[in-house]
Structures are given as C-alpha cells and as structure tokens.
PDB file of N, CA and C in Angstrom:
ATOM      1  N   MET A   1       0.811  -1.231  -0.106  1.00  0.00           N
ATOM      2  CA  MET A   1       0.050  -0.007   0.113  1.00  0.00           C
ATOM      3  C   MET A   1       0.788   1.424   0.015  1.00  0.00           C
ATOM      4  N   ASN A   2       2.083   1.210  -0.267  1.00  0.00           N
ATOM      5  CA  ASN A   2       3.069   2.176  -0.383  1.00  0.00           C
ATOM      6  C   ASN A   2       3.152   3.171   1.082  1.00  0.00           C
ATOM      7  N   SER A   3       3.051   2.330   2.144  1.00  0.00           N
ATOM      8  CA  SER A   3       3.198   3.063   3.386  1.00  0.00           C
ATOM      9  C   SER A   3       3.638   1.957   4.566  1.00  0.00           C
ATOM     10  N   GLY A   4       4.834   2.257   4.891  1.00  0.00           N
ATOM     11  CA  GLY A   4       5.490   1.437   5.858  1.00  0.00           C
ATOM     12  C   GLY A   4       5.464   0.068   5.744  1.00  0.00           C
ATOM     13  N   GLY A   5       5.784  -0.426   4.619  1.00  0.00           N
ATOM     14  CA  GLY A   5       5.914  -1.809   4.286  1.00  0.00           C
ATOM     15  C   GLY A   5       4.659  -2.434   4.348  1.00  0.00           C
ATOM     16  N   GLN A   6       3.683  -1.921   4.199  1.00  0.00           N
ATOM     17  CA  GLN A   6       2.507  -2.746   3.952  1.00  0.00           C
ATOM     18  C   GLN A   6       2.317  -2.976   2.556  1.00  0.00           C
ATOM     19  N   VAL A   7       1.450  -4.247   2.354  1.00  0.00           N
ATOM     20  CA  VAL A   7       1.142  -5.012   1.178  1.00  0.00           C
ATOM     21  C   VAL A   7      -0.089  -5.620   1.178  1.00  0.00           C
ATOM     22  N   VAL A   8      -0.995  -5.197   0.229  1.00  0.00           N
ATOM     23  CA  VAL A   8      -2.161  -5.967   0.128  1.00  0.00           C
ATOM     24  C   VAL A   8      -2.317  -6.798  -0.989  1.00  0.00           C
ATOM     25  N   CYS A   9      -2.884  -7.998  -0.752  1.00  0.00           N
ATOM     26  CA  CYS A   9      -3.275  -9.190  -1.764  1.00  0.00           C
ATOM     27  C   CYS A   9      -4.507  -9.351  -1.930  1.00  0.00           C
ATOM     28  N   PHE A  10      -4.887  -9.663  -3.266  1.00  0.00           N
ATOM     29  CA  PHE A  10      -6.283  -9.853  -3.632  1.00  0.00           C
ATOM     30  C   PHE A  10      -6.527 -11.208  -4.264  1.00  0.00           C
ATOM     31  N   ALA A  11      -7.687 -12.005  -4.257  1.00  0.00           N
ATOM     32  CA  ALA A  11      -7.958 -13.072  -5.047  1.00  0.00           C
ATOM     33  C   ALA A  11      -9.255 -13.388  -5.272  1.00  0.00           C
ATOM     34  N   GLU A  12      -9.780 -14.109  -6.182  1.00  0.00           N
ATOM     35  CA  GLU A  12     -11.080 -14.231  -6.708  1.00  0.00           C
ATOM     36  C   GLU A  12     -11.335 -15.711  -6.071  1.00  0.00           C
ATOM     37  N   ALA A  13     -12.302 -15.420  -5.336  1.00  0.00           N
ATOM     38  CA  ALA A  13     -12.658 -16.845  -4.364  1.00  0.00           C
ATOM     39  C   ALA A  13     -13.707 -17.785  -5.221  1.00  0.00           C
ATOM     40  N   TYR A  14     -13.716 -18.902  -4.750  1.00  0.00           N
ATOM     41  CA  TYR A  14     -14.511 -19.828  -5.444  1.00  0.00           C
ATOM     42  C   TYR A  14     -15.978 -19.355  -5.773  1.00  0.00           C
ATOM     43  N   ASN A  15     -16.471 -18.568  -4.888  1.00  0.00           N
ATOM     44  CA  ASN A  15     -17.904 -18.057  -4.866  1.00  0.00           C
ATOM     45  C   ASN A  15     -18.053 -16.904  -5.684  1.00  0.00           C
ATOM     46  N   THR A  16     -17.176 -16.384  -6.648  1.00  0.00           N
ATOM     47  CA  THR A  16     -17.120 -15.367  -7.484  1.00  0.00           C
ATOM     48  C   THR A  16     -16.822 -14.182  -6.851  1.00  0.00           C
ATOM     49  N   GLY A  17     -16.304 -13.987  -5.625  1.00  0.00           N
ATOM     50  CA  GLY A  17     -16.066 -12.688  -4.977  1.00  0.00           C
ATOM     51  C   GLY A  17     -14.685 -12.348  -4.807  1.00  0.00           C
ATOM     52  N   ILE A  18     -14.328 -11.072  -4.673  1.00  0.00           N
ATOM     53  CA  ILE A  18     -12.767 -10.707  -4.489  1.00  0.00           C
ATOM     54  C   ILE A  18     -12.745 -10.536  -2.928  1.00  0.00           C
ATOM     55  N   TYR A  19     -11.667 -11.095  -2.461  1.00  0.00           N
ATOM     56  CA  TYR A  19     -11.168 -11.145  -1.043  1.00  0.00           C
ATOM     57  C   TYR A  19      -9.783 -10.542  -1.123  1.00  0.00           C
ATOM     58  N   GLY A  20      -9.522  -9.912   0.044  1.00  0.00           N
ATOM     59  CA  GLY A  20      -8.243  -9.396   0.172  1.00  0.00           C
ATOM     60  C   GLY A  20      -7.544  -9.422   1.556  1.00  0.00           C
ATOM     61  N   SER A  21      -6.286  -9.498   1.764  1.00  0.00           N
ATOM     62  CA  SER A  21      -5.737  -9.457   3.203  1.00  0.00           C
ATOM     63  C   SER A  21      -4.509  -8.331   2.938  1.00  0.00           C
ATOM     64  N   ARG A  22      -4.039  -7.970   4.195  1.00  0.00           N
ATOM     65  CA  ARG A  22      -3.078  -6.872   4.099  1.00  0.00           C
ATOM     66  C   ARG A  22      -2.141  -7.189   5.275  1.00  0.00           C
ATOM     67  N   PHE A  23      -0.872  -7.310   4.598  1.00  0.00           N
ATOM     68  CA  PHE A  23       0.281  -7.582   5.399  1.00  0.00           C
ATOM     69  C   PHE A  23       0.649  -5.979   6.174  1.00  0.00           C
ATOM     70  N   ASN A  24       0.773  -6.038   7.338  1.00  0.00           N
ATOM     71  CA  ASN A  24       1.140  -4.932   8.190  1.00  0.00           C
ATOM     72  C   ASN A  24       2.443  -4.300   8.057  1.00  0.00           C
ATOM     73  N   GLY A  25       3.452  -5.187   7.588  1.00  0.00           N
ATOM     74  CA  GLY A  25       4.771  -4.751   7.910  1.00  0.00           C
ATOM     75  C   GLY A  25       5.510  -5.441   8.845  1.00  0.00           C
ATOM     76  N   GLY A  26       6.745  -5.194   9.129  1.00  0.00           N
ATOM     77  CA  GLY A  26       7.350  -5.854  10.351  1.00  0.00           C
ATOM     78  C   GLY A  26       7.903  -7.231   9.808  1.00  0.00           C
ATOM     79  N   THR A  27       7.887  -8.244  10.900  1.00  0.00           N
ATOM     80  CA  THR A  27       8.416  -9.492  10.417  1.00  0.00           C
ATOM     81  C   THR A  27       7.394 -10.475   9.739  1.00  0.00           C
ATOM     82  N   TRP A  28       7.908 -11.368   8.857  1.00  0.00           N
ATOM     83  CA  TRP A  28       7.019 -12.092   7.906  1.00  0.00           C
ATOM     84  C   TRP A  28       6.597 -13.181   8.891  1.00  0.00           C
ATOM     85  N   ALA A  29       5.392 -12.899   9.413  1.00  0.00           N
ATOM     86  CA  ALA A  29       4.737 -13.972  10.245  1.00  0.00           C
ATOM     87  C   ALA A  29       3.082 -13.826   9.952  1.00  0.00           C
ATOM     88  N   ALA A  30       2.326 -15.076  10.002  1.00  0.00           N
ATOM     89  CA  ALA A  30       1.125 -14.853  10.085  1.00  0.00           C
ATOM     90  C   ALA A  30       0.105 -14.046  10.846  1.00  0.00           C
ATOM     91  N   SER A  31       0.862 -13.621  11.934  1.00  0.00           N
ATOM     92  CA  SER A  31       0.187 -12.757  12.971  1.00  0.00           C
ATOM     93  C   SER A  31       0.123 -11.391  12.233  1.00  0.00           C
ATOM     94  N   ASN A  32       0.932 -10.853  11.496  1.00  0.00           N
ATOM     95  CA  ASN A  32       0.960  -9.611  10.732  1.00  0.00           C
ATOM     96  C   ASN A  32       0.222  -9.492   9.417  1.00  0.00           C
ATOM     97  N   TRP A  33      -0.702 -10.596   9.154  1.00  0.00           N
ATOM     98  CA  TRP A  33      -1.519 -10.444   8.000  1.00  0.00           C
ATOM     99  C   TRP A  33      -2.969 -10.370   8.543  1.00  0.00           C
ATOM    100  N   SER A  34      -3.753  -9.555   8.075  1.00  0.00           N
ATOM    101  CA  SER A  34      -5.226  -9.390   8.169  1.00  0.00           C
ATOM    102  C   SER A  34      -6.124 -10.733   7.923  1.00  0.00           C
ATOM    103  N   THR A  35      -7.134 -10.830   8.375  1.00  0.00           N
ATOM    104  CA  THR A  35      -8.205 -11.864   7.832  1.00  0.00           C
ATOM    105  C   THR A  35      -8.583 -11.551   6.742  1.00  0.00           C
ATOM    106  N   TYR A  36      -8.707 -12.451   5.694  1.00  0.00           N
ATOM    107  CA  TYR A  36      -9.211 -12.267   4.232  1.00  0.00           C
ATOM    108  C   TYR A  36     -10.715 -11.830   4.496  1.00  0.00           C
ATOM    109  N   GLY A  37     -10.857 -10.397   3.954  1.00  0.00           N
ATOM    110  CA  GLY A  37     -12.153 -10.025   4.008  1.00  0.00           C
ATOM    111  C   GLY A  37     -12.993  -9.831   2.501  1.00  0.00           C
ATOM    112  N   GLY A  38     -14.074  -9.976   2.188  1.00  0.00           N
ATOM    113  CA  GLY A  38     -14.661  -9.727   1.146  1.00  0.00           C
ATOM    114  C   GLY A  38     -15.000  -8.273   0.624  1.00  0.00           C
ATOM    115  N   LEU A  39     -14.805  -8.037  -0.772  1.00  0.00           N
ATOM    116  CA  LEU A  39     -15.144  -6.645  -1.217  1.00  0.00           C
ATOM    117  C   LEU A  39     -16.611  -6.576  -1.611  1.00  0.00           C
ATOM    118  N   ALA A  40     -17.394  -7.697  -1.359  1.00  0.00           N
ATOM    119  CA  ALA A  40     -18.742  -7.673  -2.081  1.00  0.00           C
ATOM    120  C   ALA A  40     -18.769  -7.916  -3.506  1.00  0.00           C
ATOM    121  N   GLY A  41     -19.822  -8.125  -4.272  1.00  0.00           N
ATOM    122  CA  GLY A  41     -19.994  -8.195  -5.565  1.00  0.00           C
ATOM    123  C   GLY A  41     -19.658  -9.555  -6.001  1.00  0.00           C
ATOM    124  N   SER A  42     -19.962  -9.932  -7.250  1.00  0.00           N
ATOM    125  CA  SER A  42     -19.458 -11.058  -8.056  1.00  0.00           C
ATOM    126  C   SER A  42     -18.808 -10.800  -9.430  1.00  0.00           C
ATOM    127  N   VAL A  43     -17.786 -11.465  -9.371  1.00  0.00           N
ATOM    128  CA  VAL A  43     -16.897 -10.935 -10.558  1.00  0.00           C
ATOM    129  C   VAL A  43     -16.528 -11.978 -11.518  1.00  0.00           C
ATOM    130  N   THR A  44     -16.006 -11.840 -12.795  1.00  0.00           N
ATOM    131  CA  THR A  44     -15.635 -12.948 -13.704  1.00  0.00           C
ATOM    132  C   THR A  44     -14.223 -13.276 -13.438  1.00  0.00           C
ATOM    133  N   THR A  45     -13.381 -12.321 -13.108  1.00  0.00           N
ATOM    134  CA  THR A  45     -11.910 -12.387 -13.293  1.00  0.00           C
ATOM    135  C   THR A  45     -11.463 -11.600 -12.137  1.00  0.00           C
ATOM    136  N   ASN A  46     -10.131 -11.864 -11.669  1.00  0.00           N
ATOM    137  CA  ASN A  46      -9.600 -11.174 -10.402  1.00  0.00           C
ATOM    138  C   ASN A  46      -9.759  -9.636 -10.686  1.00  0.00           C
ATOM    139  N   ALA A  47      -9.386  -8.815  -9.528  1.00  0.00           N
ATOM    140  CA  ALA A  47      -9.371  -7.753  -9.737  1.00  0.00           C
ATOM    141  C   ALA A  47      -7.848  -7.026 -10.025  1.00  0.00           C
ATOM    142  N   SER A  48      -7.440  -5.938 -10.407  1.00  0.00           N
ATOM    143  CA  SER A  48      -6.383  -5.227 -10.765  1.00  0.00           C
ATOM    144  C   SER A  48      -6.300  -4.004  -9.660  1.00  0.00           C
ATOM    145  N   CYS A  49      -5.408  -3.954  -8.779  1.00  0.00           N
ATOM    146  CA  CYS A  49      -5.321  -2.870  -8.031  1.00  0.00           C
ATOM    147  C   CYS A  49      -4.088  -2.008  -7.915  1.00  0.00           C
ATOM    148  N   THR A  50      -4.191  -0.881  -7.649  1.00  0.00           N
ATOM    149  CA  THR A  50      -2.841  -0.015  -7.586  1.00  0.00           C
ATOM    150  C   THR A  50      -3.039   0.974  -6.422  1.00  0.00           C
ATOM    151  N   THR A  51      -1.890   1.511  -6.075  1.00  0.00           N
ATOM    152  CA  THR A  51      -1.874   2.493  -4.946  1.00  0.00           C
ATOM    153  C   THR A  51      -1.562   3.909  -5.436  1.00  0.00           C
ATOM    154  N   PRO A  52      -2.734   4.794  -5.690  1.00  0.00           N
ATOM    155  CA  PRO A  52      -2.431   6.102  -6.126  1.00  0.00           C
ATOM    156  C   PRO A  52      -1.762   6.925  -5.276  1.00  0.00           C
ATOM    157  N   SER A  53      -1.796   6.990  -3.911  1.00  0.00           N
ATOM    158  CA  SER A  53      -1.003   7.403  -3.114  1.00  0.00           C
ATOM    159  C   SER A  53      -0.767   6.788  -1.571  1.00  0.00           C
ATOM    160  N   ALA A  54       0.219   7.053  -0.625  1.00  0.00           N
ATOM    161  CA  ALA A  54       0.220   5.989   0.406  1.00  0.00           C
ATOM    162  C   ALA A  54      -1.045   5.895   1.273  1.00  0.00           C
ATOM    163  N   GLY A  55      -1.404   4.487   1.568  1.00  0.00           N
ATOM    164  CA  GLY A  55      -2.567   4.016   2.289  1.00  0.00           C
ATOM    165  C   GLY A  55      -3.823   3.959   1.444  1.00  0.00           C
ATOM    166  N   GLU A  56      -3.604   4.152   0.493  1.00  0.00           N
ATOM    167  CA  GLU A  56      -4.990   4.223  -0.540  1.00  0.00           C
ATOM    168  C   GLU A  56      -4.814   3.056  -1.583  1.00  0.00           C
ATOM    169  N   LEU A  57      -6.007   2.535  -2.064  1.00  0.00           N
ATOM    170  CA  LEU A  57      -6.033   1.655  -3.151  1.00  0.00           C
ATOM    171  C   LEU A  57      -7.028   1.895  -4.111  1.00  0.00           C
ATOM    172  N   VAL A  58      -7.067   1.603  -5.346  1.00  0.00           N
ATOM    173  CA  VAL A  58      -8.118   1.634  -6.168  1.00  0.00           C
ATOM    174  C   VAL A  58      -8.043   0.398  -7.066  1.00  0.00           C
ATOM    175  N   CYS A  59      -9.374  -0.277  -7.146  1.00  0.00           N
ATOM    176  CA  CYS A  59      -9.225  -1.654  -7.717  1.00  0.00           C
ATOM    177  C   CYS A  59     -10.392  -1.469  -8.995  1.00  0.00           C
ATOM    178  N   GLY A  60     -10.091  -2.231  -9.971  1.00  0.00           N
ATOM    179  CA  GLY A  60     -10.983  -2.439 -11.124  1.00  0.00           C
ATOM    180  C   GLY A  60     -11.328  -3.803 -11.302  1.00  0.00           C
ATOM    181  N   VAL A  61     -12.491  -4.439 -11.710  1.00  0.00           N
ATOM    182  CA  VAL A  61     -12.956  -5.665 -11.900  1.00  0.00           C
ATOM    183  C   VAL A  61     -13.975  -5.664 -13.189  1.00  0.00           C
ATOM    184  N   ILE A  62     -14.046  -6.903 -13.647  1.00  0.00           N
ATOM    185  CA  ILE A  62     -15.251  -7.255 -14.866  1.00  0.00           C
ATOM    186  C   ILE A  62     -16.121  -8.111 -13.985  1.00  0.00           C
ATOM    187  N   SER A  63     -17.792  -7.392 -13.525  1.00  0.00           N
ATOM    188  CA  SER A  63     -18.428  -8.041 -12.950  1.00  0.00           C
ATOM    189  C   SER A  63     -19.171  -9.234 -13.591  1.00  0.00           C
ATOM    190  N   ILE A  64     -20.061 -10.037 -13.066  1.00  0.00           N
ATOM    191  CA  ILE A  64     -20.570 -11.036 -13.959  1.00  0.00           C
ATOM    192  C   ILE A  64     -21.742 -10.494 -15.115  1.00  0.00           C
ATOM    193  N   ASP A  65     -22.000  -9.075 -14.872  1.00  0.00           N
ATOM    194  CA  ASP A  65     -22.736  -8.645 -15.828  1.00  0.00           C
ATOM    195  C   ASP A  65     -22.025  -7.982 -16.856  1.00  0.00           C
ATOM    196  N   SER A  66     -20.893  -8.375 -16.859  1.00  0.00           N
ATOM    197  CA  SER A  66     -19.796  -7.928 -18.162  1.00  0.00           C
ATOM    198  C   SER A  66     -19.346  -6.618 -18.049  1.00  0.00           C
ATOM    199  N   ALA A  67     -19.915  -5.730 -17.007  1.00  0.00           N
ATOM    200  CA  ALA A  67     -19.438  -4.407 -17.018  1.00  0.00           C
ATOM    201  C   ALA A  67     -18.091  -4.097 -16.038  1.00  0.00           C
ATOM    202  N   PHE A  68     -17.728  -2.992 -16.238  1.00  0.00           N
ATOM    203  CA  PHE A  68     -16.241  -2.706 -15.692  1.00  0.00           C
ATOM    204  C   PHE A  68     -16.811  -1.999 -14.209  1.00  0.00           C
ATOM    205  N   TYR A  69     -16.236  -2.324 -12.880  1.00  0.00           N
ATOM    206  CA  TYR A  69     -16.608  -1.717 -11.735  1.00  0.00           C
ATOM    207  C   TYR A  69     -15.214  -1.287 -11.239  1.00  0.00           C
ATOM    208  N   GLY A  70     -15.436  -0.112 -10.427  1.00  0.00           N
ATOM    209  CA  GLY A  70     -14.173   0.419  -9.579  1.00  0.00           C
ATOM    210  C   GLY A  70     -14.570   0.466  -8.123  1.00  0.00           C
ATOM    211  N   ASP A  71     -13.558   0.258  -7.319  1.00  0.00           N
ATOM    212  CA  ASP A  71     -13.809   0.626  -5.818  1.00  0.00           C
ATOM    213  C   ASP A  71     -12.435   1.320  -5.431  1.00  0.00           C
ATOM    214  N   SER A  72     -12.649   1.896  -4.363  1.00  0.00           N
ATOM    215  CA  SER A  72     -11.417   2.656  -3.940  1.00  0.00           C
ATOM    216  C   SER A  72     -11.351   2.549  -2.205  1.00  0.00           C
ATOM    217  N   TYR A  73     -10.096   2.525  -1.824  1.00  0.00           N
ATOM    218  CA  TYR A  73     -10.028   2.452  -0.213  1.00  0.00           C
ATOM    219  C   TYR A  73      -9.220   3.748   0.137  1.00  0.00           C
ATOM    220  N   ASN A  74      -9.726   4.666   1.155  1.00  0.00           N
ATOM    221  CA  ASN A  74      -9.082   5.720   1.531  1.00  0.00           C
ATOM    222  C   ASN A  74      -8.114   5.717   2.790  1.00  0.00           C
ATOM    223  N   GLY A  75      -7.977   4.534   3.114  1.00  0.00           N
ATOM    224  CA  GLY A  75      -7.080   4.126   4.398  1.00  0.00           C
ATOM    225  C   GLY A  75      -7.826   3.937   5.683  1.00  0.00           C
ATOM    226  N   SER A  76      -9.327   4.120   5.315  1.00  0.00           N
ATOM    227  CA  SER A  76     -10.258   3.753   6.584  1.00  0.00           C
ATOM    228  C   SER A  76     -11.356   2.772   6.226  1.00  0.00           C
ATOM    229  N   GLY A  77     -11.734   2.976   4.872  1.00  0.00           N
ATOM    230  CA  GLY A  77     -12.744   2.268   4.408  1.00  0.00           C
ATOM    231  C   GLY A  77     -12.952   2.207   2.864  1.00  0.00           C
ATOM    232  N   TRP A  78     -13.734   1.388   2.253  1.00  0.00           N
ATOM    233  CA  TRP A  78     -13.777   1.063   0.900  1.00  0.00           C
ATOM    234  C   TRP A  78     -15.134   1.943   0.506  1.00  0.00           C
ATOM    235  N   SER A  79     -15.130   2.457  -0.592  1.00  0.00           N
ATOM    236  CA  SER A  79     -16.308   3.179  -1.212  1.00  0.00           C
ATOM    237  C   SER A  79     -17.392   2.494  -1.457  1.00  0.00           C
ATOM    238  N   GLY A  80     -17.222   1.238  -2.060  1.00  0.00           N
ATOM    239  CA  GLY A  80     -18.027   0.414  -2.757  1.00  0.00           C
ATOM    240  C   GLY A  80     -18.120   0.441  -4.218  1.00  0.00           C
ATOM    241  N   TRP A  81     -18.268  -0.792  -4.860  1.00  0.00           N
ATOM    242  CA  TRP A  81     -18.278  -0.627  -6.202  1.00  0.00           C
ATOM    243  C   TRP A  81     -19.130   0.171  -6.859  1.00  0.00           C
ATOM    244  N   ILE A  82     -18.593   0.828  -7.805  1.00  0.00           N
ATOM    245  CA  ILE A  82     -19.315   1.672  -8.979  1.00  0.00           C
ATOM    246  C   ILE A  82     -19.146   1.319 -10.217  1.00  0.00           C
ATOM    247  N   LYS A  83     -20.301   1.009 -10.843  1.00  0.00           N
ATOM    248  CA  LYS A  83     -20.289   0.851 -12.127  1.00  0.00           C
ATOM    249  C   LYS A  83     -19.793   1.939 -13.067  1.00  0.00           C
ATOM    250  N   VAL A  84     -18.620   1.800 -13.692  1.00  0.00           N
ATOM    251  CA  VAL A  84     -17.983   2.662 -14.393  1.00  0.00           C
ATOM    252  C   VAL A  84     -18.211   2.698 -16.000  1.00  0.00           C
ATOM    253  N   GLY A  85     -18.425   1.265 -16.406  1.00  0.00           N
ATOM    254  CA  GLY A  85     -18.794   1.178 -17.894  1.00  0.00           C
ATOM    255  C   GLY A  85     -18.619  -0.177 -18.364  1.00  0.00           C
ATOM    256  N   GLY A  86     -18.749  -0.668 -19.407  1.00  0.00           N
ATOM    257  CA  GLY A  86     -18.597  -1.745 -20.103  1.00  0.00           C
ATOM    258  C   GLY A  86     -19.587  -1.848 -21.341  1.00  0.00           C
ATOM    259  N   PRO A  87     -19.564  -3.044 -21.843  1.00  0.00           N
ATOM    260  CA  PRO A  87     -18.990  -4.488 -21.325  1.00  0.00           C
ATOM    261  C   PRO A  87     -17.532  -4.648 -21.474  1.00  0.00           C
ATOM    262  N   GLY A  88     -16.879  -5.415 -20.780  1.00  0.00           N
ATOM    263  CA  GLY A  88     -15.344  -5.636 -20.884  1.00  0.00           C
ATOM    264  C   GLY A  88     -15.177  -6.956 -20.727  1.00  0.00           C
ATOM    265  N   VAL A  89     -13.858  -7.541 -21.148  1.00  0.00           N
ATOM    266  CA  VAL A  89     -13.482  -8.990 -21.043  1.00  0.00           C
ATOM    267  C   VAL A  89     -12.048  -8.962 -20.352  1.00  0.00           C
ATOM    268  N   GLY A  90     -11.785 -10.028 -19.859  1.00  0.00           N
ATOM    269  CA  GLY A  90     -10.457 -10.267 -19.225  1.00  0.00           C
ATOM    270  C   GLY A  90     -10.459  -9.481 -17.650  1.00  0.00           C
ATOM    271  N   ILE A  91      -8.987  -9.463 -17.469  1.00  0.00           N
ATOM    272  CA  ILE A  91      -8.562  -8.696 -16.167  1.00  0.00           C
ATOM    273  C   ILE A  91      -8.344  -6.992 -16.552  1.00  0.00           C
ATOM    274  N   PRO A  92      -8.973  -6.358 -15.840  1.00  0.00           N
ATOM    275  CA  PRO A  92      -8.565  -5.029 -16.212  1.00  0.00           C
ATOM    276  C   PRO A  92      -7.069  -4.673 -15.575  1.00  0.00           C
ATOM    277  N   SER A  93      -6.573  -3.502 -16.027  1.00  0.00           N
ATOM    278  CA  SER A  93      -5.114  -3.319 -15.820  1.00  0.00           C
ATOM    279  C   SER A  93      -5.087  -1.675 -15.136  1.00  0.00           C
ATOM    280  N   CYS A  94      -4.866  -1.523 -13.708  1.00  0.00           N
ATOM    281  CA  CYS A  94      -4.893  -0.561 -13.158  1.00  0.00           C
ATOM    282  C   CYS A  94      -3.465   0.084 -12.781  1.00  0.00           C
ATOM    283  N   ALA A  95      -3.188   1.202 -12.813  1.00  0.00           N
ATOM    284  CA  ALA A  95      -1.646   1.870 -12.594  1.00  0.00           C
ATOM    285  C   ALA A  95      -1.994   3.303 -12.007  1.00  0.00           C
ATOM    286  N   ALA A  96      -0.868   3.597 -11.066  1.00  0.00           N
ATOM    287  CA  ALA A  96      -0.975   4.732 -10.360  1.00  0.00           C
ATOM    288  C   ALA A  96      -0.432   5.680 -11.296  1.00  0.00           C
ATOM    289  N   LEU A  97      -0.757   7.132 -11.146  1.00  0.00           N
ATOM    290  CA  LEU A  97      -0.448   8.154 -12.296  1.00  0.00           C
ATOM    291  C   LEU A  97       0.541   9.042 -11.670  1.00  0.00           C
ATOM    292  N   GLY A  98       0.793   9.015 -10.253  1.00  0.00           N
ATOM    293  CA  GLY A  98       1.536   9.660  -9.595  1.00  0.00           C
ATOM    294  C   GLY A  98       1.060  11.187  -9.168  1.00  0.00           C
ATOM    295  N   THR A  99      -0.244  11.348  -9.323  1.00  0.00           N
ATOM    296  CA  THR A  99      -0.860  12.607  -9.246  1.00  0.00           C
ATOM    297  C   THR A  99      -2.020  12.325  -8.179  1.00  0.00           C
ATOM    298  N   GLY A 100      -1.961  11.095  -7.308  1.00  0.00           N
ATOM    299  CA  GLY A 100      -2.993  10.936  -6.662  1.00  0.00           C
ATOM    300  C   GLY A 100      -4.381  10.119  -7.038  1.00  0.00           C
ATOM    301  N   GLN A 101      -4.025   9.971  -8.435  1.00  0.00           N
ATOM    302  CA  GLN A 101      -4.891   9.324  -9.072  1.00  0.00           C
ATOM    303  C   GLN A 101      -4.612   8.045  -9.930  1.00  0.00           C
ATOM    304  N   ALA A 102      -5.486   7.262 -10.362  1.00  0.00           N
ATOM    305  CA  ALA A 102      -5.095   6.045 -10.911  1.00  0.00           C
ATOM    306  C   ALA A 102      -5.686   5.971 -12.343  1.00  0.00           C
ATOM    307  N   VAL A 103      -5.238   5.098 -13.233  1.00  0.00           N
ATOM    308  CA  VAL A 103      -5.897   4.825 -14.578  1.00  0.00           C
ATOM    309  C   VAL A 103      -6.150   3.507 -14.501  1.00  0.00           C
ATOM    310  N   CYS A 104      -7.504   3.137 -14.956  1.00  0.00           N
ATOM    311  CA  CYS A 104      -7.552   1.593 -15.227  1.00  0.00           C
ATOM    312  C   CYS A 104      -8.027   1.387 -16.729  1.00  0.00           C
ATOM    313  N   ILE A 105      -7.727   0.356 -17.224  1.00  0.00           N
ATOM    314  CA  ILE A 105      -7.849   0.040 -18.830  1.00  0.00           C
ATOM    315  C   ILE A 105      -8.547  -1.149 -18.795  1.00  0.00           C
ATOM    316  N   VAL A 106      -9.469  -1.251 -19.688  1.00  0.00           N
ATOM    317  CA  VAL A 106     -10.163  -2.685 -19.935  1.00  0.00           C
ATOM    318  C   VAL A 106     -10.613  -2.975 -21.460  1.00  0.00           C
ATOM    319  N   MET A 107     -10.293  -4.230 -21.776  1.00  0.00           N
ATOM    320  CA  MET A 107     -10.686  -4.638 -23.243  1.00  0.00           C
ATOM    321  C   MET A 107     -12.082  -4.647 -23.183  1.00  0.00           C
ATOM    322  N   GLY A 108     -12.583  -4.024 -24.294  1.00  0.00           N
ATOM    323  CA  GLY A 108     -13.972  -4.135 -24.658  1.00  0.00           C
ATOM    324  C   GLY A 108     -14.237  -5.251 -25.436  1.00  0.00           C
ATOM    325  N   VAL A 109     -15.598  -5.836 -25.621  1.00  0.00           N
ATOM    326  CA  VAL A 109     -15.909  -7.040 -26.426  1.00  0.00           C
ATOM    327  C   VAL A 109     -15.600  -6.829 -27.733  1.00  0.00           C
ATOM    328  N   ASN A 110     -15.291  -5.529 -28.261  1.00  0.00           N
ATOM    329  CA  ASN A 110     -15.138  -5.179 -29.748  1.00  0.00           C
ATOM    330  C   ASN A 110     -13.606  -4.925 -29.857  1.00  0.00           C
ATOM    331  N   ASN A 111     -12.725  -5.440 -28.883  1.00  0.00           N
ATOM    332  CA  ASN A 111     -11.307  -5.796 -29.045  1.00  0.00           C
ATOM    333  C   ASN A 111     -10.493  -4.110 -29.030  1.00  0.00           C
ATOM    334  N   LYS A 112     -11.369  -3.286 -28.462  1.00  0.00           N
ATOM    335  CA  LYS A 112     -10.964  -1.921 -28.242  1.00  0.00           C
ATOM    336  C   LYS A 112     -10.697  -1.619 -26.886  1.00  0.00           C
ATOM    337  N   LEU A 113      -9.555  -0.834 -26.542  1.00  0.00           N
ATOM    338  CA  LEU A 113      -9.297  -0.556 -25.066  1.00  0.00           C
ATOM    339  C   LEU A 113     -10.177   0.690 -24.623  1.00  0.00           C
ATOM    340  N   THR A 114     -10.443   0.460 -23.428  1.00  0.00           N
ATOM    341  CA  THR A 114     -11.347   1.549 -22.749  1.00  0.00           C
ATOM    342  C   THR A 114     -10.348   2.148 -21.336  1.00  0.00           C
ATOM    343  N   SER A 115     -10.337   3.452 -21.359  1.00  0.00           N
ATOM    344  CA  SER A 115      -9.623   3.774 -19.889  1.00  0.00           C
ATOM    345  C   SER A 115     -10.558   4.601 -19.017  1.00  0.00           C
ATOM    346  N   VAL A 116     -10.305   4.912 -17.953  1.00  0.00           N
ATOM    347  CA  VAL A 116     -10.997   5.707 -16.827  1.00  0.00           C
ATOM    348  C   VAL A 116      -9.936   6.160 -15.781  1.00  0.00           C
ATOM    349  N   VAL A 117      -9.781   7.395 -15.590  1.00  0.00           N
ATOM    350  CA  VAL A 117      -8.971   7.990 -14.373  1.00  0.00           C
ATOM    351  C   VAL A 117      -9.928   8.173 -13.170  1.00  0.00           C
ATOM    352  N   GLY A 118      -9.415   8.248 -12.060  1.00  0.00           N
ATOM    353  CA  GLY A 118     -10.148   8.470 -10.958  1.00  0.00           C
ATOM    354  C   GLY A 118      -9.190   8.084  -9.561  1.00  0.00           C
ATOM    355  N   PRO A 119      -9.742   8.012  -8.453  1.00  0.00           N
ATOM    356  CA  PRO A 119     -10.997   8.488  -8.000  1.00  0.00           C
ATOM    357  C   PRO A 119     -11.080  10.009  -8.199  1.00  0.00           C
TER     358      PRO A 119
END
C-alpha cells in the first residue's frame, strides 16, 4: 500500500467474490496478516489494484454482468463498487499516475481498449 511496508493481496474466490488481506509490515509472520475480507459483488476475473497515494487503493474488476466496476480504499474504508462502464472482457489493468489518481484500462468486447481515471 506504499506505506510503512504494507502490502495488500487480492484473490477471486470460488464463490466469484474478491477477497483481500493486508500485510501490516514488520516480521514475515502469519500474525502480521489481516483476515481475508470480502469486497462484495460477483466478478468473472480477478481484480487489478494499484496505490495512487500512500495508504490508498483503487481496484477494477469485470462483474458477472460484463461491466467494468471500480472500488477505492481511502485508508479507513472502501467506497463500494461503482459501475464505470462496460462491457469488458479479461482482467482490467490499473496503474498509479503519480498525481494521487489511478488509470484503469479494460478490453472491450469489440477488442478496443477503454480507460478511466479516478478517483
């Protein structure tokens, strides 16, 4: 998370949800990892996440309705999935812009790329 050695990992679960866990830094021990928590929603692929600034995250996914959704974490909580556009296929690609914002790119069903900048 670009802050004090913290790292966040996400995975698509068997129930089509996205779950994440945070390594708090320090010694590499199970006690320094948070319990996996669900981000709600149902997806077709894994999330792509990036850190636009220290302690913040932006994630993008393709939901089961084939639309592209985004969610952001501000250091204290998640904003909730917002439908950004669609339809899309595959795993989106999100990257920090160095301005406190992120860009996410998704492949459309017409083989054309679409991008969005936020939050």
